[in-house]
Amino acid sequence: MVESLTYTRRETAGTLSGIIFGHFADGMDLVIISYLFLALSAEFKVSVADIAIALTISLIFSAFGGIIFGSIADRYGRRTGLILAIAVFGVATLLTAGITQLWQLYLLRAIEGLGVGGEWGIGFAQITEVWSPKTRATGGGLLQGFFIVGSIVGAIVSGYTISVYGASLGWRYAFLIAGIIGVASTFVVMFFVPESKYWLAYHKEVESNQEMKKKEKAPLVDIFTPEVRRWTLIVLLIGSANLFIYFAYSSYMPTLLAVVYSMKPAQYTLLLVVGQSIAVPFYIINGILADRFGRKITAISYGVVYILSVVLFFVVILEKIPYVALFAFPLLYAYTILSLAQGISGEYGVWWSEHFPTRMRSTATGFGYMVGRGIAGALATLLIPVLYDGLGGIKMVGVAISIAMLVGVLFQFGGLFGLKETLGTKVKVD
């Protein structure tokens, strides 16, 4: 059995560039709708909660996408799975620009969810197989950081199109631009990303070894075998908790700022862009620290910061300090610290994938993140309106976000202790 394979600098750079484009488009296409809740609500004459259902549908279907495209990547190749996943969400987002009925929004966001669900796990499986063990988490942090960059660009694009073209037309241009970027990313992967040498070597070995061929299981079944079942469930717990937190605040921040603090689109877009831009380097720092000191201690340290940041956010919400100017607004700083604490996810894709063999790596990594996103992320988008309605109406959205996040950070922190330290793990053809 081949123990290790090497990549040229060109192959490594091509893989990273293609996956970065995919992650960037993933972040933009998935999250952009949260900046358009109010515009879409006015367009279809329904409540914000009705529009939020579209995001919920997207998150639910991302769970299926993680399983479907992860299995494709494990069976038919990382590159094939990645191209198909990005093409699906890019085209679906592009078509959303032309919808005329609410049901069309729901349908296309379901299809979009399938694609974004597939992209994440495949991308991190590729990074794990291509990148040097010494700097692998740094590559993962860079990759995850570009998801946030995509979200930032989504905020800028939606804020600009709404401001220039008005609410009734601006949301269409926002989806159009996001869709074009998604489709373009497909071609970047096609031209620059090589197939995983570990995947090729494993399947070559399987074809020549009848005993291995007989024992080979479907990847979705394989991740629940006694060999790795514990890791599958713990990864699912951490992924669910993390994405419950993330979608609790990211989905409703624009609504919070517009409804509670009476901020205009240009004002709250600037706040979100500033907060997230400051946070991006902390995803890369997370990866650097994980490569230097270890995956587990780095994640636990970030987990402590995350708990404190949620408490700070809650306190600021309860203080009810009105918006006067951006840098005099306490919520900007609370949101920024919260966003940089989410940098904990920078190492997640690499750390998780190091627990699994090559034959199931894409499926296992995608399962933990995307089923977590589909269940917990979707639950967060549904739960926030229920909470704020129970607390007295949409003006209580900030309190609802805070309560939800407190639950999430505690579950996430507990899960971190269940995984093993994998610093220095060498990928094998297994």
Protein backbone atom coordinates (compact mmCIF):
# COMPACT_ATOMS: atom_id res chain seq x y z
CA MET A 1 0.00 0.00 0.00
CA VAL A 2 1.26 3.49 -0.91
CA GLU A 3 1.80 5.47 2.30
CA SER A 4 2.36 8.97 0.90
CA LEU A 5 2.23 10.88 -2.36
CA THR A 6 3.62 14.27 -3.30
CA TYR A 7 2.27 17.20 -5.28
CA THR A 8 4.18 19.79 -7.29
CA ARG A 9 3.86 23.44 -6.32
CA ARG A 10 1.79 24.03 -9.43
CA GLU A 11 -0.63 21.25 -8.51
CA THR A 12 -0.91 22.52 -4.94
CA ALA A 13 -1.48 26.11 -6.09
CA GLY A 14 -4.04 25.00 -8.68
CA THR A 15 -5.95 22.96 -6.11
CA LEU A 16 -5.97 25.79 -3.57
CA SER A 17 -7.02 28.44 -6.10
CA GLY A 18 -9.91 26.34 -7.40
CA ILE A 19 -11.19 25.41 -3.97
CA ILE A 20 -10.85 29.02 -2.76
CA PHE A 21 -13.03 30.17 -5.66
CA GLY A 22 -15.56 27.49 -4.77
CA HIS A 23 -15.60 28.45 -1.09
CA PHE A 24 -15.89 32.14 -1.95
CA ALA A 25 -18.87 31.49 -4.23
CA ASP A 26 -20.38 29.13 -1.61
CA GLY A 27 -20.27 31.87 1.05
CA MET A 28 -21.70 34.48 -1.29
CA ASP A 29 -24.48 32.34 -2.78
CA LEU A 30 -25.65 30.85 0.50
CA VAL A 31 -25.64 33.92 2.72
CA ILE A 32 -26.64 36.67 0.27
CA ILE A 33 -30.35 36.00 0.77
CA SER A 34 -30.08 37.07 4.44
CA TYR A 35 -29.17 40.59 3.24
CA LEU A 36 -32.25 40.56 1.02
CA PHE A 37 -34.91 39.43 3.51
CA LEU A 38 -36.59 42.85 3.67
CA ALA A 39 -36.49 43.47 -0.10
CA LEU A 40 -37.91 40.03 -0.86
CA SER A 41 -40.52 40.44 1.86
CA ALA A 42 -41.73 43.64 0.18
CA GLU A 43 -41.57 42.08 -3.31
CA PHE A 44 -43.75 39.08 -2.47
CA LYS A 45 -45.83 40.86 0.18
CA VAL A 46 -45.08 38.33 2.90
CA SER A 47 -43.36 38.45 6.31
CA VAL A 48 -39.61 38.23 6.89
CA ALA A 49 -40.24 34.84 8.51
CA ASP A 50 -41.79 33.61 5.22
CA ILE A 51 -38.67 34.67 3.30
CA ALA A 52 -36.42 33.13 5.95
CA ILE A 53 -38.05 29.79 5.10
CA ALA A 54 -36.13 29.94 1.80
CA LEU A 55 -32.85 30.01 3.74
CA THR A 56 -34.11 27.20 5.96
CA ILE A 57 -34.89 25.11 2.88
CA SER A 58 -31.43 25.83 1.49
CA LEU A 59 -29.80 24.68 4.72
CA ILE A 60 -31.90 21.52 4.94
CA PHE A 61 -31.06 20.54 1.38
CA SER A 62 -27.39 21.29 1.99
CA ALA A 63 -27.42 18.25 4.27
CA PHE A 64 -28.56 16.07 1.37
CA GLY A 65 -26.01 17.80 -0.87
CA GLY A 66 -23.20 16.98 1.54
CA ILE A 67 -24.15 13.31 1.42
CA ILE A 68 -24.84 13.12 -2.33
CA PHE A 69 -21.83 15.04 -3.61
CA GLY A 70 -19.56 13.69 -0.88
CA SER A 71 -20.43 10.17 -2.04
CA ILE A 72 -19.85 11.19 -5.67
CA ALA A 73 -16.43 12.58 -4.70
CA ASP A 74 -15.50 9.39 -2.85
CA ARG A 75 -16.79 7.15 -5.64
CA TYR A 76 -16.03 9.06 -8.84
CA GLY A 77 -13.37 11.60 -7.90
CA ARG A 78 -12.89 14.76 -5.83
CA ARG A 79 -12.66 16.94 -8.94
CA THR A 80 -15.85 15.54 -10.49
CA GLY A 81 -17.82 16.04 -7.28
CA LEU A 82 -16.52 19.58 -6.83
CA ILE A 83 -17.33 20.66 -10.39
CA LEU A 84 -20.88 19.28 -10.19
CA ALA A 85 -21.57 20.81 -6.75
CA ILE A 86 -20.41 24.32 -7.71
CA ALA A 87 -22.24 24.19 -11.06
CA VAL A 88 -25.50 23.27 -9.32
CA PHE A 89 -25.49 26.13 -6.81
CA GLY A 90 -24.16 28.66 -9.35
CA VAL A 91 -26.90 27.97 -11.91
CA ALA A 92 -29.64 27.86 -9.23
CA THR A 93 -28.58 31.26 -7.85
CA LEU A 94 -28.40 32.71 -11.37
CA LEU A 95 -31.95 31.55 -12.11
CA THR A 96 -33.22 33.06 -8.85
CA ALA A 97 -32.73 36.52 -10.37
CA GLY A 98 -35.70 35.89 -12.68
CA ILE A 99 -38.30 34.45 -10.29
CA THR A 100 -41.83 35.84 -10.09
CA GLN A 101 -43.40 33.60 -7.44
CA LEU A 102 -42.46 32.72 -3.86
CA TRP A 103 -42.59 28.97 -4.58
CA GLN A 104 -39.91 29.49 -7.23
CA LEU A 105 -37.64 31.04 -4.60
CA TYR A 106 -38.18 28.01 -2.36
CA LEU A 107 -37.49 25.55 -5.21
CA LEU A 108 -34.31 27.23 -6.43
CA ARG A 109 -32.92 27.67 -2.93
CA ALA A 110 -33.47 23.94 -2.38
CA ILE A 111 -31.40 23.18 -5.50
CA GLU A 112 -28.82 25.78 -4.47
CA GLY A 113 -28.60 24.09 -1.07
CA LEU A 114 -27.71 20.76 -2.66
CA GLY A 115 -24.74 22.36 -4.39
CA VAL A 116 -23.33 24.37 -1.48
CA GLY A 117 -23.75 21.31 0.71
CA GLY A 118 -21.50 19.28 -1.56
CA GLU A 119 -18.73 21.83 -2.06
CA TRP A 120 -17.51 22.23 1.53
CA GLY A 121 -16.62 18.65 2.45
CA ILE A 122 -14.98 17.90 -0.91
CA GLY A 123 -12.86 21.04 -0.67
CA PHE A 124 -11.48 20.14 2.74
CA ALA A 125 -10.85 16.54 1.74
CA GLN A 126 -8.76 17.90 -1.14
CA ILE A 127 -6.83 20.27 1.14
CA THR A 128 -6.09 17.43 3.56
CA GLU A 129 -4.78 15.23 0.75
CA VAL A 130 -2.77 17.92 -1.07
CA TRP A 131 -1.39 20.10 1.72
CA SER A 132 1.68 19.36 3.82
CA PRO A 133 0.83 18.07 7.35
CA LYS A 134 2.99 20.89 8.76
CA THR A 135 0.79 23.68 7.35
CA ARG A 136 -2.45 21.86 6.53
CA ALA A 137 -4.62 23.68 9.11
CA THR A 138 -3.29 27.03 7.85
CA GLY A 139 -4.55 26.09 4.38
CA GLY A 140 -7.89 25.14 5.95
CA GLY A 141 -8.10 28.46 7.78
CA LEU A 142 -7.38 30.32 4.55
CA LEU A 143 -10.09 28.32 2.80
CA GLN A 144 -12.69 28.94 5.50
CA GLY A 145 -11.72 32.61 5.57
CA PHE A 146 -12.72 32.89 1.91
CA PHE A 147 -16.21 31.66 2.76
CA ILE A 148 -16.48 34.76 4.95
CA VAL A 149 -14.96 36.92 2.21
CA GLY A 150 -17.73 35.62 -0.06
CA SER A 151 -20.29 36.58 2.57
CA ILE A 152 -18.72 40.06 2.82
CA VAL A 153 -18.90 40.53 -0.94
CA GLY A 154 -22.52 39.35 -0.78
CA ALA A 155 -23.24 42.10 1.75
CA ILE A 156 -21.52 44.71 -0.42
CA VAL A 157 -23.25 43.57 -3.61
CA SER A 158 -26.71 43.42 -2.03
CA GLY A 159 -26.25 46.76 -0.27
CA TYR A 160 -25.06 48.38 -3.50
CA THR A 161 -27.76 46.94 -5.76
CA ILE A 162 -30.55 47.80 -3.30
CA SER A 163 -29.22 51.35 -2.89
CA VAL A 164 -28.75 51.96 -6.62
CA TYR A 165 -31.68 50.07 -8.16
CA GLY A 166 -34.13 50.11 -5.26
CA ALA A 167 -35.59 47.20 -3.32
CA SER A 168 -37.86 46.00 -6.15
CA LEU A 169 -35.02 45.50 -8.66
CA GLY A 170 -31.85 45.44 -6.55
CA TRP A 171 -32.38 41.94 -5.17
CA ARG A 172 -32.54 40.57 -8.72
CA TYR A 173 -29.17 42.09 -9.62
CA ALA A 174 -27.70 40.74 -6.38
CA PHE A 175 -28.69 37.15 -7.25
CA LEU A 176 -27.56 37.66 -10.86
CA ILE A 177 -24.06 38.74 -9.82
CA ALA A 178 -23.74 35.95 -7.23
CA GLY A 179 -24.86 33.38 -9.78
CA ILE A 180 -22.38 34.54 -12.41
CA ILE A 181 -19.54 34.24 -9.89
CA GLY A 182 -20.71 30.74 -8.95
CA VAL A 183 -20.81 29.57 -12.57
CA ALA A 184 -17.40 31.16 -13.25
CA SER A 185 -15.97 29.24 -10.27
CA THR A 186 -16.96 25.99 -11.95
CA PHE A 187 -14.63 26.76 -14.85
CA VAL A 188 -11.79 27.69 -12.48
CA VAL A 189 -12.04 24.21 -10.93
CA MET A 190 -12.28 22.55 -14.35
CA PHE A 191 -9.11 24.22 -15.62
CA PHE A 192 -6.90 24.38 -12.53
CA VAL A 193 -7.78 21.63 -10.01
CA PRO A 194 -6.20 18.20 -10.60
CA GLU A 195 -7.73 14.97 -9.36
CA SER A 196 -6.59 13.81 -5.91
CA LYS A 197 -3.60 11.48 -6.22
CA TYR A 198 -4.71 9.68 -3.05
CA TRP A 199 -8.15 9.05 -4.50
CA LEU A 200 -6.63 7.79 -7.76
CA ALA A 201 -4.15 5.54 -5.93
CA TYR A 202 -6.82 4.10 -3.63
CA HIS A 203 -9.17 3.24 -6.47
CA LYS A 204 -6.35 1.78 -8.55
CA GLU A 205 -5.50 -0.47 -5.61
CA VAL A 206 -9.14 -1.47 -5.14
CA GLU A 207 -9.46 -2.42 -8.82
CA SER A 208 -6.41 -4.68 -8.59
CA ASN A 209 -7.33 -6.23 -5.24
CA GLN A 210 -10.48 -8.35 -5.28
CA GLU A 211 -10.47 -8.71 -1.49
CA MET A 212 -10.56 -4.92 -1.03
CA LYS A 213 -13.25 -4.66 -3.70
CA LYS A 214 -15.50 -7.11 -1.86
CA LYS A 215 -15.10 -5.26 1.46
CA GLU A 216 -15.72 -1.81 0.01
CA LYS A 217 -18.94 -0.25 1.32
CA ALA A 218 -20.97 2.76 0.29
CA PRO A 219 -19.23 5.79 1.89
CA LEU A 220 -22.37 6.78 3.82
CA VAL A 221 -22.46 3.31 5.38
CA ASP A 222 -18.71 3.30 5.95
CA ILE A 223 -18.73 6.40 8.18
CA PHE A 224 -20.91 4.53 10.71
CA THR A 225 -18.71 1.44 10.99
CA PRO A 226 -17.14 0.83 14.45
CA GLU A 227 -13.76 2.05 13.12
CA VAL A 228 -14.93 5.68 12.82
CA ARG A 229 -18.50 5.92 14.16
CA ARG A 230 -17.41 7.83 17.27
CA TRP A 231 -15.67 10.50 15.17
CA THR A 232 -18.66 10.80 12.84
CA LEU A 233 -21.04 11.53 15.71
CA ILE A 234 -18.75 13.96 17.53
CA VAL A 235 -18.01 15.86 14.32
CA LEU A 236 -21.77 16.05 13.72
CA LEU A 237 -22.30 17.47 17.23
CA ILE A 238 -19.62 20.14 16.83
CA GLY A 239 -20.72 21.04 13.31
CA SER A 240 -24.37 21.28 14.35
CA ALA A 241 -23.59 23.52 17.33
CA ASN A 242 -21.25 25.78 15.34
CA LEU A 243 -23.67 26.28 12.49
CA PHE A 244 -26.60 26.79 14.84
CA ILE A 245 -24.66 29.73 16.32
CA TYR A 246 -23.52 31.07 12.96
CA PHE A 247 -26.93 31.08 11.29
CA ALA A 248 -28.64 32.37 14.43
CA TYR A 249 -26.70 35.63 14.17
CA SER A 250 -25.65 35.91 10.50
CA SER A 251 -29.16 35.35 9.12
CA TYR A 252 -30.84 37.95 11.30
CA MET A 253 -28.18 40.65 11.80
CA PRO A 254 -29.45 42.74 8.83
CA THR A 255 -33.01 42.46 10.17
CA LEU A 256 -31.86 43.35 13.71
CA LEU A 257 -29.98 46.43 12.52
CA ALA A 258 -32.76 47.63 10.20
CA VAL A 259 -35.78 46.99 12.44
CA VAL A 260 -34.44 47.56 15.98
CA TYR A 261 -31.80 50.21 15.29
CA SER A 262 -33.46 51.85 12.24
CA MET A 263 -30.29 51.65 10.18
CA LYS A 264 -30.44 52.13 6.42
CA PRO A 265 -29.10 49.43 4.04
CA ALA A 266 -25.87 51.35 3.38
CA GLN A 267 -25.30 51.80 7.13
CA TYR A 268 -25.85 48.23 8.24
CA THR A 269 -24.01 46.87 5.20
CA LEU A 270 -20.96 48.91 6.25
CA LEU A 271 -21.18 47.59 9.82
CA LEU A 272 -21.40 43.99 8.65
CA VAL A 273 -18.53 44.44 6.20
CA VAL A 274 -16.28 46.08 8.81
CA GLY A 275 -17.02 43.42 11.44
CA GLN A 276 -16.49 40.47 9.11
CA SER A 277 -13.43 41.97 7.42
CA ILE A 278 -11.66 42.32 10.77
CA ALA A 279 -12.61 38.72 11.54
CA VAL A 280 -11.23 37.10 8.36
CA PRO A 281 -7.56 37.01 9.51
CA PHE A 282 -8.61 35.14 12.66
CA TYR A 283 -9.63 32.12 10.55
CA ILE A 284 -6.09 32.00 9.16
CA ILE A 285 -4.60 32.66 12.62
CA ASN A 286 -6.67 29.74 13.91
CA GLY A 287 -5.08 27.49 11.30
CA ILE A 288 -1.56 28.77 12.06
CA LEU A 289 -2.03 28.16 15.78
CA ALA A 290 -3.48 24.70 15.12
CA ASP A 291 -0.38 23.83 13.06
CA ARG A 292 1.95 25.20 15.75
CA PHE A 293 0.35 24.10 19.03
CA GLY A 294 -2.18 21.44 18.04
CA ARG A 295 -5.76 21.21 16.77
CA LYS A 296 -7.42 20.53 20.10
CA ILE A 297 -5.87 23.18 22.35
CA THR A 298 -6.39 25.82 19.66
CA ALA A 299 -10.05 24.91 19.25
CA ILE A 300 -10.65 24.90 23.02
CA SER A 301 -9.00 28.33 23.35
CA TYR A 302 -11.17 29.75 20.57
CA GLY A 303 -14.16 28.05 22.20
CA VAL A 304 -13.61 29.99 25.42
CA VAL A 305 -13.41 33.25 23.45
CA TYR A 306 -16.61 32.29 21.65
CA ILE A 307 -18.52 31.83 24.90
CA LEU A 308 -17.33 35.21 26.19
CA SER A 309 -18.20 36.92 22.90
CA VAL A 310 -21.78 35.63 23.03
CA VAL A 311 -22.16 36.90 26.60
CA LEU A 312 -20.81 40.30 25.50
CA PHE A 313 -23.22 40.42 22.55
CA PHE A 314 -26.16 39.66 24.85
CA VAL A 315 -25.15 42.40 27.29
CA VAL A 316 -24.89 44.96 24.48
CA ILE A 317 -28.31 43.96 23.16
CA LEU A 318 -29.86 44.40 26.61
CA GLU A 319 -28.25 47.83 26.99
CA LYS A 320 -30.29 49.08 23.97
CA ILE A 321 -27.78 51.77 23.02
CA PRO A 322 -29.10 53.46 19.82
CA TYR A 323 -27.10 53.85 16.61
CA VAL A 324 -25.58 57.32 16.19
CA ALA A 325 -22.32 56.70 14.35
CA LEU A 326 -20.58 53.51 13.29
CA PHE A 327 -17.50 53.58 15.52
CA ALA A 328 -19.50 54.91 18.48
CA PHE A 329 -21.91 51.96 18.22
CA PRO A 330 -21.16 49.22 20.81
CA LEU A 331 -22.91 46.56 18.73
CA LEU A 332 -20.23 46.95 16.04
CA TYR A 333 -17.56 45.78 18.51
CA ALA A 334 -19.71 42.99 19.95
CA TYR A 335 -20.48 41.74 16.44
CA THR A 336 -16.82 41.94 15.41
CA ILE A 337 -15.62 39.90 18.41
CA LEU A 338 -18.38 37.37 17.78
CA SER A 339 -17.32 37.10 14.12
CA LEU A 340 -13.63 36.59 14.93
CA ALA A 341 -14.55 33.88 17.47
CA GLN A 342 -16.28 32.05 14.61
CA GLY A 343 -12.73 31.71 13.29
CA ILE A 344 -12.71 28.50 15.34
CA SER A 345 -14.13 26.84 12.23
CA GLY A 346 -10.95 27.62 10.31
CA GLU A 347 -9.34 24.36 11.42
CA TYR A 348 -12.52 22.28 11.55
CA GLY A 349 -12.49 20.90 7.99
CA VAL A 350 -8.87 19.75 8.24
CA TRP A 351 -9.08 18.52 11.85
CA TRP A 352 -12.18 16.49 11.11
CA SER A 353 -10.93 15.02 7.84
CA GLU A 354 -7.73 13.82 9.55
CA HIS A 355 -9.90 11.41 11.57
CA PHE A 356 -11.07 9.49 8.45
CA PRO A 357 -9.55 7.22 5.76
CA THR A 358 -9.30 8.29 2.10
CA ARG A 359 -12.16 6.04 0.98
CA MET A 360 -14.73 7.98 3.04
CA ARG A 361 -13.03 11.34 3.73
CA SER A 362 -15.26 13.59 1.59
CA THR A 363 -18.46 11.93 2.78
CA ALA A 364 -17.48 12.02 6.47
CA THR A 365 -16.30 15.64 6.47
CA GLY A 366 -19.30 16.79 4.45
CA PHE A 367 -21.68 14.80 6.66
CA GLY A 368 -20.52 16.48 9.85
CA TYR A 369 -20.68 19.98 8.47
CA MET A 370 -23.57 19.80 6.04
CA VAL A 371 -25.93 17.60 8.04
CA GLY A 372 -25.09 19.91 10.95
CA ARG A 373 -25.88 22.87 8.72
CA GLY A 374 -29.04 21.24 7.41
CA ILE A 375 -30.40 20.33 10.83
CA ALA A 376 -29.06 22.92 13.25
CA GLY A 377 -28.57 25.82 10.83
CA ALA A 378 -32.09 25.35 9.50
CA LEU A 379 -33.43 25.03 13.05
CA ALA A 380 -31.80 28.36 13.96
CA THR A 381 -33.48 30.20 11.08
CA LEU A 382 -36.85 28.77 12.14
CA LEU A 383 -36.34 29.19 15.88
CA ILE A 384 -35.39 32.89 15.91
CA PRO A 385 -38.83 34.12 14.66
CA VAL A 386 -40.56 31.78 17.13
CA LEU A 387 -38.44 33.13 19.97
CA TYR A 388 -38.89 36.79 19.15
CA ASP A 389 -42.65 36.34 18.64
CA GLY A 390 -42.82 34.67 22.06
CA LEU A 391 -40.82 37.51 23.61
CA GLY A 392 -43.05 40.25 22.23
CA GLY A 393 -42.40 40.66 18.51
CA ILE A 394 -39.68 41.33 15.98
CA LYS A 395 -38.19 44.14 18.11
CA MET A 396 -36.92 41.33 20.38
CA VAL A 397 -34.91 39.68 17.60
CA GLY A 398 -31.59 40.59 19.28
CA VAL A 399 -32.56 38.83 22.50
CA ALA A 400 -33.75 35.80 20.52
CA ILE A 401 -30.40 35.62 18.69
CA SER A 402 -28.49 35.85 21.97
CA ILE A 403 -30.45 33.09 23.71
CA ALA A 404 -30.00 30.76 20.75
CA MET A 405 -26.26 31.42 20.58
CA LEU A 406 -25.75 30.74 24.29
CA VAL A 407 -27.15 27.25 23.84
CA GLY A 408 -25.00 26.66 20.76
CA VAL A 409 -21.64 27.72 22.22
CA LEU A 410 -22.02 25.43 25.22
CA PHE A 411 -22.74 22.36 23.06
CA GLN A 412 -19.87 23.24 20.72
CA PHE A 413 -17.42 23.64 23.60
CA GLY A 414 -18.35 20.29 25.08
CA GLY A 415 -17.91 18.52 21.75
CA LEU A 416 -14.34 19.77 21.28
CA PHE A 417 -13.09 17.49 24.07
CA GLY A 418 -14.33 14.39 22.22
CA LEU A 419 -11.98 14.54 19.22
CA LYS A 420 -8.37 13.39 19.25
CA GLU A 421 -5.27 15.46 18.56
CA THR A 422 -4.29 14.91 14.90
CA LEU A 423 -1.39 17.36 14.45
CA GLY A 424 1.16 15.85 12.05
CA THR A 425 -1.19 13.17 10.69
CA LYS A 426 0.03 11.80 7.35
CA VAL A 427 -2.58 10.96 4.77
CA LYS A 428 -2.54 7.34 3.56
CA VAL A 429 -4.08 5.55 0.63
CA ASP A 430 -6.70 3.72 2.69
